[in-house]
Amino acid sequence: FNMGVDVDLFVRDKDALSEFVCSVCLDVSRPPVVFPCEAEHVFCADCVTNLKECPSDRQPRRNNAPTPLKGALLRTYNNLKLKCSNGCDAWTGPLGDLDGHLASQCRLSVVGCPHEGCGHKTTREDMDTHIQTCDHRMVTCPHCKDEMKHVSLADHVFSVCPSVLVACPHGGAVCPHLPRSQVDEHVVGPCEHVEVACSWADFGCTHRCPRGQLEAHEIDNRALAQHMRLVQGPLRSLRNAAALLPQGHTLDDMLSDMVQTYTSARRNESVSSPSNKTTTFSVTTPPLNNNTNNSKNADNNAPSSVATVTTPPLSDASSSSSCSVRIIKSLRDISELKSISHVPTQFIFDKEGELTEAHVISLVQHCSQLQHVKISRCYKLTDASIIPLTQHCSHLQHVNLSGCRNLTDASIISLAQHCPQLQHVRISLCSNLTDASIICLAQHCPQLQHVNLSRY
């Protein structure tokens, strides 16, 4: 209290109150103090704080300050009987117990909501009702069982909760509903309604269709005929080149030289060159030495033979034939790295979920000259796998990490900082990446031409 107690609240001999009634506010003094005058009158502490003389008899104030009640006078004061000052009917008691009643029992006392963040205040008798409906009360999500404030539950269920069943963004009602946490994996993997490119796209097929219809397209007679026409040119060129090979040379040797020449040609292309430009190069072989009876009449100065081969642009999903010592495409190839005589420049791996951190570390130890890397849909890989790869393979130009959903900005930032020759980067379906990855690529990779951030 900062003021006195109403005299009408007291229920016994009100004449006994007279010595405790403050002559300033005319209420029973609260809190009571003895004024430093000759008669030692009792007043409310706040009523006489700055007074220089006693309000009752106008006697001058002594030098000392007002003092609290003591001894028998205090006991008499505390035993005065009264009703609750809030007006509740449940309590009548001594004045000394009034504060305790108001603080913990009185149903009409105004109290604050106990929930963090809620500033609502109401009487104690109404607070129980408020607590049961308070927006800041803690509740449990019925789907994932996480605890949160009631005010956040709706947004959590409709936007965040990993256990809520949602529709596939591509299949809609056709695809079965699945937990939100499995949607990305479903889209990259089994969903038959995601639009994908034909596996012959690198040879020039432009057909796109839902994944579930891709097999029907690829076995369709008209599509097969088109695909055969697309590869006739490269195959004819390879056959002609093979016919010109001298003794002791194999087609693999020639293909290895072709890949190396093609890679060098692409590296030297201008940034302004079209991304779909084909590359034409020649492999020159020595004169063909026939072991026939007429070989002695052969002209020793016969010119060398030239095989000209035109290839489609190199991409991370290339299906063209290539030399096993130059291109690594399987876990078996990784296990045989110690025995090969040439340094591989390409690593193309597209088998969902099979590649592990141990495989990547083995690759890093033996293939520091890698220029083209495709590691897509490898769910088991984390930053601990990709960062060593970027640090030890600084010649990388084409990198495909699509569908590696456990990667964070740390992998892409390391890639940008250690591989300044980057030209093409695909990081679609990497849901943990932020703008920091793109900004770092732009700052550190002056030759960068293309970044794929698509959702499929």
Protein backbone atom coordinates (compact mmCIF):
# COMPACT_ATOMS: atom_id res chain seq x y z
CA PHE A 1 0.00 0.00 0.00
CA ASN A 2 1.06 3.60 -0.68
CA MET A 3 -1.90 5.01 1.19
CA GLY A 4 -3.93 4.27 4.32
CA VAL A 5 -6.57 1.60 4.84
CA ASP A 6 -10.24 2.66 4.77
CA VAL A 7 -11.61 2.87 8.32
CA ASP A 8 -14.89 1.25 7.20
CA LEU A 9 -13.09 -2.06 6.47
CA PHE A 10 -12.40 -2.72 10.15
CA VAL A 11 -14.92 -4.91 11.95
CA ARG A 12 -14.24 -4.48 15.69
CA ASP A 13 -14.00 -1.63 18.18
CA LYS A 14 -13.35 1.24 15.82
CA ASP A 15 -12.51 3.49 18.75
CA ALA A 16 -9.28 1.47 19.11
CA LEU A 17 -8.34 2.71 15.66
CA SER A 18 -8.12 6.33 16.67
CA GLU A 19 -4.45 6.30 17.64
CA PHE A 20 -3.58 4.77 14.24
CA VAL A 21 -5.70 7.05 12.03
CA CYS A 22 -3.55 9.38 9.94
CA SER A 23 -4.78 12.96 10.34
CA VAL A 24 -3.56 13.75 6.81
CA CYS A 25 -5.51 11.13 4.75
CA LEU A 26 -7.99 10.20 7.52
CA ASP A 27 -7.41 6.46 6.92
CA VAL A 28 -5.71 3.91 9.17
CA SER A 29 -2.00 4.56 8.64
CA ARG A 30 -0.34 2.27 6.11
CA PRO A 31 2.56 1.75 6.52
CA PRO A 32 2.49 3.35 9.97
CA VAL A 33 5.35 5.50 11.30
CA VAL A 34 5.84 7.51 14.49
CA PHE A 35 6.38 11.19 13.70
CA PRO A 36 9.33 12.75 15.62
CA CYS A 37 7.18 15.16 17.63
CA GLU A 38 6.61 15.43 21.37
CA ALA A 39 3.34 13.44 21.30
CA GLU A 40 4.70 10.83 18.88
CA HIS A 41 1.62 10.72 16.67
CA VAL A 42 1.17 7.94 14.11
CA PHE A 43 0.84 8.72 10.37
CA CYS A 44 1.20 7.05 6.95
CA ALA A 45 4.85 7.09 5.98
CA ASP A 46 4.12 8.73 2.62
CA CYS A 47 1.92 11.41 4.17
CA VAL A 48 4.65 12.93 6.37
CA THR A 49 7.80 12.31 4.34
CA ASN A 50 8.63 15.98 3.78
CA LEU A 51 6.69 17.67 6.61
CA LYS A 52 8.55 20.00 9.00
CA GLU A 53 5.88 20.02 11.71
CA CYS A 54 3.36 17.54 13.10
CA PRO A 55 0.00 17.73 11.23
CA SER A 56 -1.93 16.97 14.45
CA ASP A 57 -0.58 19.59 16.90
CA ARG A 58 1.68 21.73 14.69
CA GLN A 59 4.65 20.99 16.92
CA PRO A 60 8.00 21.33 15.14
CA ARG A 61 9.66 18.22 13.86
CA ARG A 62 12.76 17.03 15.63
CA ASN A 63 15.93 16.43 13.69
CA ASN A 64 15.50 12.67 13.47
CA ALA A 65 13.32 10.93 10.82
CA PRO A 66 9.93 9.18 11.38
CA THR A 67 10.38 5.65 12.79
CA PRO A 68 8.37 2.38 12.25
CA LEU A 69 6.07 1.12 15.01
CA LYS A 70 7.66 -1.15 17.60
CA GLY A 71 6.80 -3.41 20.49
CA ALA A 72 3.29 -3.44 21.94
CA LEU A 73 2.11 -0.64 19.66
CA LEU A 74 3.05 -2.67 16.58
CA ARG A 75 1.33 -5.82 17.93
CA THR A 76 -1.82 -3.87 18.58
CA TYR A 77 -1.74 -2.44 15.08
CA ASN A 78 -1.18 -5.85 13.41
CA ASN A 79 -4.08 -7.46 15.36
CA LEU A 80 -6.69 -4.99 14.14
CA LYS A 81 -9.45 -7.03 12.37
CA LEU A 82 -10.68 -6.01 8.95
CA LYS A 83 -12.22 -7.29 5.72
CA CYS A 84 -10.33 -7.80 2.44
CA SER A 85 -9.52 -4.45 0.89
CA ASN A 86 -10.38 -5.85 -2.60
CA GLY A 87 -13.93 -6.63 -1.45
CA CYS A 88 -13.80 -10.42 -1.60
CA ASP A 89 -16.10 -12.20 0.85
CA ALA A 90 -13.77 -15.08 1.64
CA TRP A 91 -11.43 -13.35 4.10
CA THR A 92 -11.57 -11.44 7.37
CA GLY A 93 -8.44 -11.29 9.48
CA PRO A 94 -5.73 -9.28 11.22
CA LEU A 95 -4.24 -6.32 9.44
CA GLY A 96 -0.78 -7.94 9.61
CA ASP A 97 -1.96 -10.79 7.33
CA LEU A 98 -3.63 -8.59 4.73
CA ASP A 99 -0.60 -8.39 2.40
CA GLY A 100 -0.21 -12.18 2.32
CA HIS A 101 -3.89 -12.66 1.52
CA LEU A 102 -3.78 -10.16 -1.36
CA ALA A 103 -0.56 -11.63 -2.82
CA SER A 104 -1.51 -15.32 -2.86
CA GLN A 105 -5.18 -15.93 -2.08
CA CYS A 106 -7.53 -13.09 -2.93
CA ARG A 107 -9.57 -14.00 -5.99
CA LEU A 108 -10.01 -10.33 -6.89
CA SER A 109 -6.31 -9.43 -6.90
CA VAL A 110 -4.96 -8.52 -10.36
CA VAL A 111 -2.18 -10.88 -11.48
CA GLY A 112 -0.10 -11.34 -14.66
CA CYS A 113 -0.14 -14.39 -16.98
CA PRO A 114 2.73 -16.78 -16.08
CA HIS A 115 3.49 -17.67 -19.74
CA GLU A 116 6.62 -16.07 -21.19
CA GLY A 117 5.87 -13.34 -23.70
CA CYS A 118 2.24 -12.81 -22.59
CA GLY A 119 1.58 -9.50 -20.85
CA HIS A 120 -2.10 -10.15 -20.10
CA LYS A 121 -3.34 -9.19 -16.63
CA THR A 122 -6.65 -10.04 -14.99
CA THR A 123 -8.10 -11.03 -11.61
CA ARG A 124 -6.90 -14.27 -10.07
CA GLU A 125 -10.34 -15.89 -10.45
CA ASP A 126 -10.29 -15.24 -14.24
CA MET A 127 -6.63 -16.17 -14.78
CA ASP A 128 -7.25 -19.95 -14.90
CA THR A 129 -9.59 -19.48 -17.84
CA HIS A 130 -7.06 -17.28 -19.62
CA ILE A 131 -4.19 -19.78 -19.06
CA GLN A 132 -6.16 -22.54 -20.80
CA THR A 133 -6.59 -20.42 -23.95
CA CYS A 134 -3.41 -18.28 -23.84
CA ASP A 135 -1.63 -18.06 -27.21
CA HIS A 136 1.71 -18.33 -25.41
CA ARG A 137 0.99 -21.63 -23.66
CA MET A 138 3.24 -24.55 -24.61
CA VAL A 139 1.68 -27.27 -26.80
CA THR A 140 2.95 -30.39 -28.59
CA CYS A 141 2.82 -30.72 -32.38
CA PRO A 142 0.53 -33.69 -33.12
CA HIS A 143 2.75 -34.77 -36.03
CA CYS A 144 6.41 -34.44 -35.01
CA LYS A 145 5.84 -34.16 -31.20
CA ASP A 146 8.03 -31.04 -30.87
CA GLU A 147 6.99 -28.53 -28.20
CA MET A 148 6.28 -24.91 -29.12
CA LYS A 149 4.02 -21.98 -28.25
CA HIS A 150 0.41 -22.30 -29.38
CA VAL A 151 0.75 -19.09 -31.39
CA SER A 152 3.44 -20.78 -33.57
CA LEU A 153 1.70 -24.14 -34.09
CA ALA A 154 -0.31 -23.26 -37.21
CA ASP A 155 2.69 -21.89 -39.14
CA HIS A 156 4.78 -24.87 -38.01
CA VAL A 157 2.23 -27.42 -39.28
CA PHE A 158 1.53 -25.72 -42.61
CA SER A 159 5.09 -24.67 -43.48
CA VAL A 160 7.80 -26.39 -41.44
CA CYS A 161 6.81 -29.64 -39.73
CA PRO A 162 8.85 -32.48 -41.33
CA SER A 163 6.26 -35.14 -40.41
CA VAL A 164 3.15 -33.61 -41.99
CA LEU A 165 1.92 -35.51 -45.05
CA VAL A 166 2.01 -33.27 -48.14
CA ALA A 167 1.35 -33.71 -51.83
CA CYS A 168 4.18 -34.10 -54.35
CA PRO A 169 4.73 -30.73 -56.10
CA HIS A 170 4.87 -32.53 -59.46
CA GLY A 171 2.44 -35.42 -59.12
CA GLY A 172 -0.21 -33.65 -57.05
CA ALA A 173 -3.06 -36.00 -56.17
CA VAL A 174 -1.62 -38.74 -58.40
CA CYS A 175 1.48 -39.29 -56.24
CA PRO A 176 0.86 -40.67 -52.75
CA HIS A 177 1.13 -38.12 -49.94
CA LEU A 178 4.40 -38.36 -48.05
CA PRO A 179 6.15 -36.63 -45.10
CA ARG A 180 7.45 -33.15 -45.95
CA SER A 181 11.02 -34.23 -45.03
CA GLN A 182 10.96 -36.86 -47.84
CA VAL A 183 9.69 -34.62 -50.65
CA ASP A 184 13.12 -33.63 -52.03
CA GLU A 185 14.32 -37.24 -52.05
CA HIS A 186 11.08 -38.30 -53.75
CA VAL A 187 11.44 -35.64 -56.46
CA VAL A 188 15.07 -36.55 -57.21
CA GLY A 189 14.46 -40.28 -57.06
CA PRO A 190 11.26 -42.25 -57.60
CA CYS A 191 8.74 -39.56 -58.64
CA GLU A 192 7.48 -40.49 -62.11
CA HIS A 193 5.92 -37.07 -62.75
CA VAL A 194 9.07 -34.89 -62.69
CA GLU A 195 9.98 -33.68 -66.17
CA VAL A 196 13.40 -34.96 -67.22
CA ALA A 197 15.54 -34.92 -70.36
CA CYS A 198 16.11 -37.93 -72.59
CA SER A 199 19.29 -39.84 -71.71
CA TRP A 200 20.37 -39.22 -75.32
CA ALA A 201 20.22 -35.45 -74.79
CA ASP A 202 24.02 -35.11 -75.06
CA PHE A 203 23.82 -36.47 -78.61
CA GLY A 204 21.15 -33.96 -79.58
CA CYS A 205 17.77 -35.42 -78.54
CA THR A 206 15.59 -32.56 -77.27
CA HIS A 207 12.73 -34.67 -75.94
CA ARG A 208 11.57 -33.97 -72.36
CA CYS A 209 8.82 -35.87 -70.55
CA PRO A 210 7.76 -37.08 -67.09
CA ARG A 211 10.20 -39.63 -65.68
CA GLY A 212 7.55 -42.36 -65.81
CA GLN A 213 7.23 -41.94 -69.60
CA LEU A 214 10.95 -41.80 -70.36
CA GLU A 215 11.38 -45.54 -70.87
CA ALA A 216 8.47 -45.62 -73.33
CA HIS A 217 10.10 -42.82 -75.30
CA GLU A 218 13.50 -44.51 -75.43
CA ILE A 219 12.11 -47.81 -76.73
CA ASP A 220 9.76 -46.17 -79.21
CA ASN A 221 10.74 -47.13 -82.75
CA ARG A 222 10.74 -43.57 -84.05
CA ALA A 223 12.82 -42.37 -81.08
CA LEU A 224 15.25 -45.26 -81.54
CA ALA A 225 15.67 -44.36 -85.19
CA GLN A 226 16.30 -40.74 -84.25
CA HIS A 227 18.88 -41.74 -81.63
CA MET A 228 20.68 -43.97 -84.12
CA ARG A 229 20.84 -41.11 -86.61
CA LEU A 230 22.28 -38.84 -83.92
CA VAL A 231 25.21 -41.20 -83.21
CA GLN A 232 25.89 -42.27 -86.81
CA GLY A 233 28.22 -39.38 -87.48
CA PRO A 234 30.46 -39.84 -84.43
CA LEU A 235 30.49 -43.63 -84.89
CA ARG A 236 31.41 -43.37 -88.57
CA SER A 237 34.24 -41.00 -87.72
CA LEU A 238 35.53 -43.35 -85.03
CA ARG A 239 35.37 -46.33 -87.39
CA ASN A 240 37.31 -44.44 -90.06
CA ALA A 241 39.87 -43.36 -87.50
CA ALA A 242 40.26 -46.93 -86.24
CA ALA A 243 40.98 -48.13 -89.79
CA LEU A 244 43.89 -45.73 -89.97
CA LEU A 245 45.54 -46.87 -86.75
CA PRO A 246 49.14 -48.11 -87.16
CA GLN A 247 50.37 -51.33 -85.66
CA GLY A 248 50.71 -51.23 -81.88
CA HIS A 249 48.01 -48.58 -81.47
CA THR A 250 44.55 -49.27 -80.11
CA LEU A 251 41.30 -47.40 -80.30
CA ASP A 252 41.59 -46.65 -76.58
CA ASP A 253 44.91 -44.87 -77.20
CA MET A 254 43.31 -42.74 -79.88
CA LEU A 255 40.26 -41.97 -77.76
CA SER A 256 42.48 -40.95 -74.86
CA ASP A 257 44.29 -38.46 -77.11
CA MET A 258 40.96 -37.22 -78.46
CA VAL A 259 39.57 -36.56 -74.98
CA GLN A 260 42.73 -34.71 -73.98
CA THR A 261 42.64 -32.60 -77.16
CA TYR A 262 38.95 -31.88 -76.76
CA THR A 263 39.35 -30.83 -73.13
CA SER A 264 42.19 -28.49 -74.09
CA ALA A 265 40.09 -26.99 -76.88
CA ARG A 266 37.17 -26.34 -74.57
CA ARG A 267 39.44 -24.71 -72.00
CA ASN A 268 40.72 -22.26 -74.61
CA GLU A 269 37.29 -21.28 -75.91
CA SER A 270 36.26 -17.66 -75.43
CA VAL A 271 33.76 -16.91 -72.69
CA SER A 272 31.49 -15.43 -75.35
CA SER A 273 31.34 -18.64 -77.38
CA PRO A 274 27.92 -20.35 -77.48
CA SER A 275 27.57 -23.02 -74.84
CA ASN A 276 26.25 -25.53 -77.40
CA LYS A 277 29.16 -25.19 -79.79
CA THR A 278 30.57 -28.48 -81.11
CA THR A 279 34.31 -29.02 -81.21
CA THR A 280 36.13 -30.44 -84.23
CA PHE A 281 39.69 -31.75 -83.93
CA SER A 282 42.05 -34.06 -85.81
CA VAL A 283 44.20 -36.99 -84.78
CA THR A 284 47.14 -37.58 -87.07
CA THR A 285 48.48 -41.13 -87.37
CA PRO A 286 51.67 -42.45 -89.09
CA PRO A 287 51.39 -44.11 -92.54
CA LEU A 288 49.66 -47.49 -92.47
CA ASN A 289 52.25 -50.32 -92.67
CA ASN A 290 50.77 -53.33 -94.52
CA ASN A 291 52.54 -56.66 -94.04
CA THR A 292 51.78 -57.78 -97.58
CA ASN A 293 54.23 -58.75 -100.34
CA ASN A 294 53.86 -55.32 -101.87
CA SER A 295 55.05 -53.53 -98.75
CA LYS A 296 58.57 -53.29 -100.13
CA ASN A 297 57.26 -51.01 -102.89
CA ALA A 298 55.54 -48.71 -100.42
CA ASP A 299 56.55 -45.11 -100.51
CA ASN A 300 58.47 -44.39 -97.33
CA ASN A 301 57.58 -40.74 -97.68
CA ALA A 302 53.82 -41.37 -97.83
CA PRO A 303 51.91 -38.69 -95.98
CA SER A 304 50.36 -39.34 -92.58
CA SER A 305 46.64 -40.12 -92.40
CA VAL A 306 44.29 -37.68 -90.73
CA ALA A 307 41.03 -38.65 -88.97
CA THR A 308 38.66 -35.77 -88.31
CA VAL A 309 36.08 -36.22 -85.54
CA THR A 310 33.30 -33.79 -84.59
CA THR A 311 31.93 -34.23 -81.08
CA PRO A 312 29.03 -32.70 -79.20
CA PRO A 313 29.74 -30.35 -76.30
CA LEU A 314 31.17 -32.08 -73.24
CA SER A 315 28.67 -32.24 -70.44
CA ASP A 316 28.55 -33.77 -67.01
CA ALA A 317 26.09 -36.41 -68.18
CA SER A 318 28.03 -37.52 -71.25
CA SER A 319 27.22 -41.03 -72.47
CA SER A 320 29.89 -41.18 -75.18
CA SER A 321 32.58 -43.84 -75.17
CA SER A 322 35.76 -42.86 -73.36
CA CYS A 323 38.96 -44.43 -72.17
CA SER A 324 38.78 -46.03 -68.74
CA VAL A 325 42.20 -44.69 -67.75
CA ARG A 326 41.06 -41.11 -68.40
CA ILE A 327 37.47 -41.19 -67.13
CA ILE A 328 36.38 -42.75 -63.82
CA LYS A 329 32.76 -43.88 -63.86
CA SER A 330 32.36 -46.59 -61.21
CA LEU A 331 33.42 -47.67 -57.74
CA ARG A 332 35.55 -50.33 -59.40
CA ASP A 333 37.47 -47.66 -61.29
CA ILE A 334 38.16 -45.92 -57.96
CA SER A 335 39.48 -49.14 -56.45
CA GLU A 336 41.89 -49.58 -59.42
CA LEU A 337 43.34 -46.05 -59.29
CA LYS A 338 46.69 -47.27 -57.94
CA SER A 339 47.32 -49.45 -60.99
CA ILE A 340 46.60 -47.02 -63.84
CA SER A 341 49.42 -45.32 -65.72
CA HIS A 342 47.66 -42.10 -66.74
CA VAL A 343 46.20 -39.38 -64.54
CA PRO A 344 42.39 -39.28 -64.95
CA THR A 345 40.84 -35.90 -65.78
CA GLN A 346 37.15 -36.78 -65.42
CA PHE A 347 35.01 -38.38 -62.72
CA ILE A 348 31.40 -39.10 -63.69
CA PHE A 349 29.28 -40.89 -61.10
CA ASP A 350 25.49 -40.97 -61.23
CA LYS A 351 24.46 -43.97 -59.14
CA GLU A 352 22.03 -42.83 -56.51
CA GLY A 353 23.37 -42.91 -52.96
CA GLU A 354 26.29 -45.33 -53.56
CA LEU A 355 29.26 -42.97 -53.29
CA THR A 356 30.67 -42.47 -49.77
CA GLU A 357 33.23 -40.21 -48.14
CA ALA A 358 35.87 -42.98 -48.27
CA HIS A 359 35.48 -43.24 -52.06
CA VAL A 360 35.94 -39.49 -52.50
CA ILE A 361 39.04 -39.42 -50.28
CA SER A 362 40.59 -42.26 -52.33
CA LEU A 363 39.77 -40.31 -55.49
CA VAL A 364 41.42 -37.16 -54.13
CA GLN A 365 44.63 -39.02 -53.26
CA HIS A 366 45.20 -40.22 -56.85
CA CYS A 367 43.43 -37.70 -59.12
CA SER A 368 44.69 -34.19 -58.47
CA GLN A 369 44.30 -33.26 -62.17
CA LEU A 370 40.53 -33.73 -62.34
CA GLN A 371 38.79 -31.14 -64.53
CA HIS A 372 35.28 -32.56 -64.85
CA VAL A 373 33.41 -33.98 -61.85
CA LYS A 374 29.83 -35.23 -61.71
CA ILE A 375 28.70 -36.47 -58.29
CA SER A 376 24.91 -36.23 -58.44
CA ARG A 377 22.27 -37.77 -56.16
CA CYS A 378 24.94 -38.95 -53.70
CA TYR A 379 22.96 -38.43 -50.50
CA LYS A 380 25.67 -39.78 -48.20
CA LEU A 381 28.21 -37.08 -49.04
CA THR A 382 28.75 -34.13 -46.70
CA ASP A 383 31.11 -31.15 -46.54
CA ALA A 384 33.75 -33.49 -45.10
CA SER A 385 33.89 -35.22 -48.51
CA ILE A 386 33.62 -32.29 -50.92
CA ILE A 387 35.96 -29.79 -49.22
CA PRO A 388 39.07 -32.06 -49.54
CA LEU A 389 38.13 -32.65 -53.20
CA THR A 390 38.07 -28.91 -53.92
CA GLN A 391 41.30 -28.29 -52.04
CA HIS A 392 43.32 -30.98 -53.89
CA CYS A 393 41.76 -30.66 -57.37
CA SER A 394 42.32 -27.01 -58.22
CA HIS A 395 41.92 -27.57 -62.00
CA LEU A 396 38.19 -28.26 -61.84
CA GLN A 397 36.17 -26.61 -64.61
CA HIS A 398 32.87 -28.52 -64.74
CA VAL A 399 31.26 -29.60 -61.44
CA ASN A 400 27.86 -31.23 -60.94
CA LEU A 401 26.74 -31.71 -57.32
CA SER A 402 22.99 -31.80 -57.96
CA GLY A 403 20.91 -33.69 -55.43
CA CYS A 404 23.68 -33.82 -52.78
CA ARG A 405 21.28 -32.41 -50.24
CA ASN A 406 23.58 -32.64 -47.20
CA LEU A 407 26.06 -30.09 -48.58
CA THR A 408 26.18 -26.59 -47.11
CA ASP A 409 27.70 -23.26 -48.17
CA ALA A 410 31.08 -24.46 -46.82
CA SER A 411 31.52 -26.86 -49.78
CA ILE A 412 30.64 -24.30 -52.47
CA ILE A 413 32.75 -21.55 -50.86
CA SER A 414 35.74 -23.93 -50.77
CA LEU A 415 35.09 -24.83 -54.41
CA ALA A 416 35.06 -21.17 -55.44
CA GLN A 417 38.19 -20.29 -53.45
CA HIS A 418 40.34 -23.22 -54.63
CA CYS A 419 39.14 -23.69 -58.25
CA PRO A 420 39.42 -20.37 -60.13
CA GLN A 421 39.06 -22.10 -63.54
CA LEU A 422 35.42 -23.07 -62.90
CA GLN A 423 33.17 -22.60 -65.92
CA HIS A 424 30.05 -24.67 -65.25
CA VAL A 425 28.51 -25.48 -61.85
CA ARG A 426 25.30 -27.40 -61.18
CA ILE A 427 23.99 -27.32 -57.59
CA SER A 428 20.29 -27.98 -58.11
CA LEU A 429 18.31 -29.62 -55.28
CA CYS A 430 20.97 -28.64 -52.71
CA SER A 431 18.45 -27.22 -50.26
CA ASN A 432 20.96 -26.14 -47.58
CA LEU A 433 22.72 -23.59 -49.81
CA THR A 434 22.16 -19.85 -49.45
CA ASP A 435 23.07 -16.68 -51.35
CA ALA A 436 26.54 -16.86 -49.77
CA SER A 437 27.49 -19.68 -52.16
CA ILE A 438 26.46 -17.74 -55.28
CA ILE A 439 28.20 -14.57 -54.12
CA CYS A 440 31.46 -16.45 -53.47
CA LEU A 441 31.33 -18.12 -56.91
CA ALA A 442 30.87 -14.73 -58.55
CA GLN A 443 33.76 -13.20 -56.61
CA HIS A 444 36.38 -15.94 -57.13
CA CYS A 445 35.58 -17.54 -60.52
CA PRO A 446 36.17 -15.07 -63.39
CA GLN A 447 35.67 -17.79 -66.07
CA LEU A 448 32.28 -18.90 -64.72
CA GLN A 449 29.70 -19.15 -67.53
CA HIS A 450 26.81 -21.14 -66.14
CA VAL A 451 25.31 -21.96 -62.72
CA ASN A 452 22.31 -24.31 -62.56
CA LEU A 453 20.06 -23.76 -59.52
CA SER A 454 16.95 -25.52 -60.84
CA ARG A 455 14.65 -27.59 -58.61
CA TYR A 456 14.94 -30.74 -60.77
